[in-house]
Amino acid sequence: MAKMARMSFTVPPSLRDDLDYVAMRLGVSKSSVLTSMLTSALSDVTRILHEVPLKPTDRDSLRFRDSSVRLIHDRMRELDEILKDAEVGDAGIR
């Protein structure tokens, strides 16, 4: 297992409450929840930002938007698969 780094940061109380609730319901640590949720999301953002120069031209910005749209579609497909796996119908999404 890779060595973990300790971090400290400030979040709104509602985010803290949501994190506490999710961790409790899943029976895992808050660190585990954050690591699981942020790992792929930050990786995706980092990959996209590496494609765009620090001072993008209009053409670079268009390419960035195209990458963002692809990422959103990929995430939506992943969510659809998760919902199918969990057998959650329309009634469960309200």
Protein backbone atom coordinates (compact mmCIF):
# COMPACT_ATOMS: atom_id res chain seq x y z
CA MET A 1 0.00 0.00 0.00
CA ALA A 2 1.26 3.47 -0.86
CA LYS A 3 2.21 5.72 2.02
CA MET A 4 -0.64 8.08 2.86
CA ALA A 5 -0.19 11.81 3.46
CA ARG A 6 -1.99 13.57 6.28
CA MET A 7 -3.89 16.71 5.25
CA SER A 8 -5.92 19.31 7.06
CA PHE A 9 -8.44 21.65 5.44
CA THR A 10 -11.62 23.54 6.21
CA VAL A 11 -15.00 22.60 4.73
CA PRO A 12 -18.55 23.88 5.20
CA PRO A 13 -20.50 22.17 8.01
CA SER A 14 -22.94 20.64 5.50
CA LEU A 15 -20.06 18.90 3.69
CA ARG A 16 -18.71 17.61 7.00
CA ASP A 17 -22.17 16.31 7.92
CA ASP A 18 -22.59 14.59 4.54
CA LEU A 19 -19.15 13.02 4.81
CA ASP A 20 -19.89 11.79 8.34
CA TYR A 21 -23.19 10.29 7.19
CA VAL A 22 -21.79 8.56 4.09
CA ALA A 23 -18.83 7.13 6.01
CA MET A 24 -21.12 5.87 8.77
CA ARG A 25 -23.59 4.29 6.34
CA LEU A 26 -20.82 2.60 4.36
CA GLY A 27 -18.96 1.55 7.48
CA VAL A 28 -15.67 3.04 6.34
CA SER A 29 -13.47 5.94 7.40
CA LYS A 30 -14.02 9.48 6.18
CA SER A 31 -10.53 9.33 4.67
CA SER A 32 -11.56 6.27 2.69
CA VAL A 33 -14.68 8.00 1.37
CA LEU A 34 -12.73 11.08 0.30
CA THR A 35 -9.93 9.07 -1.26
CA SER A 36 -12.37 6.94 -3.20
CA MET A 37 -14.41 9.88 -4.47
CA LEU A 38 -11.56 12.26 -5.22
CA THR A 39 -9.01 9.94 -6.78
CA SER A 40 -10.65 9.54 -10.18
CA ALA A 41 -12.25 13.00 -10.19
CA LEU A 42 -8.97 14.83 -9.57
CA SER A 43 -7.17 12.55 -11.98
CA ASP A 44 -9.66 13.48 -14.70
CA VAL A 45 -9.36 17.21 -14.03
CA THR A 46 -5.56 16.98 -13.93
CA ARG A 47 -5.52 15.12 -17.26
CA ILE A 48 -7.73 17.76 -18.89
CA LEU A 49 -5.73 20.66 -17.49
CA HIS A 50 -2.50 19.13 -18.79
CA GLU A 51 -4.02 19.41 -22.27
CA VAL A 52 -4.60 23.17 -21.96
CA PRO A 53 -1.75 25.70 -21.81
CA LEU A 54 -1.56 28.08 -18.83
CA LYS A 55 -2.56 30.94 -21.14
CA PRO A 56 -5.00 29.27 -23.56
CA THR A 57 -5.98 30.69 -26.90
CA ASP A 58 -9.59 30.56 -28.09
CA ARG A 59 -8.77 27.35 -29.94
CA ASP A 60 -7.29 25.81 -26.77
CA SER A 61 -10.42 26.78 -24.85
CA LEU A 62 -12.62 25.03 -27.40
CA ARG A 63 -10.52 21.87 -27.06
CA PHE A 64 -10.87 22.12 -23.26
CA ARG A 65 -14.66 22.36 -23.55
CA ASP A 66 -14.68 19.31 -25.82
CA SER A 67 -12.63 17.34 -23.26
CA SER A 68 -14.98 18.47 -20.50
CA VAL A 69 -18.04 17.32 -22.43
CA ARG A 70 -16.47 13.90 -23.02
CA LEU A 71 -15.63 13.65 -19.32
CA ILE A 72 -19.21 14.50 -18.32
CA HIS A 73 -20.60 11.88 -20.71
CA ASP A 74 -18.16 9.30 -19.33
CA ARG A 75 -19.18 10.13 -15.76
CA MET A 76 -22.87 9.88 -16.66
CA ARG A 77 -22.29 6.42 -18.16
CA GLU A 78 -20.46 5.37 -15.00
CA LEU A 79 -23.34 6.63 -12.85
CA ASP A 80 -25.84 4.78 -15.03
CA GLU A 81 -23.86 1.55 -14.55
CA ILE A 82 -23.69 2.09 -10.78
CA LEU A 83 -27.44 2.62 -10.64
CA LYS A 84 -28.06 -0.49 -12.73
CA ASP A 85 -25.74 -2.51 -10.49
CA ALA A 86 -27.56 -1.26 -7.40
CA GLU A 87 -30.90 -2.03 -9.06
CA VAL A 88 -32.22 1.42 -8.32
CA GLY A 89 -35.25 2.30 -10.42
CA ASP A 90 -36.73 5.71 -11.11
CA ALA A 91 -38.58 5.54 -7.79
CA GLY A 92 -35.24 5.45 -5.97
CA ILE A 93 -34.05 8.71 -7.52
CA ARG A 94 -36.20 11.43 -6.03
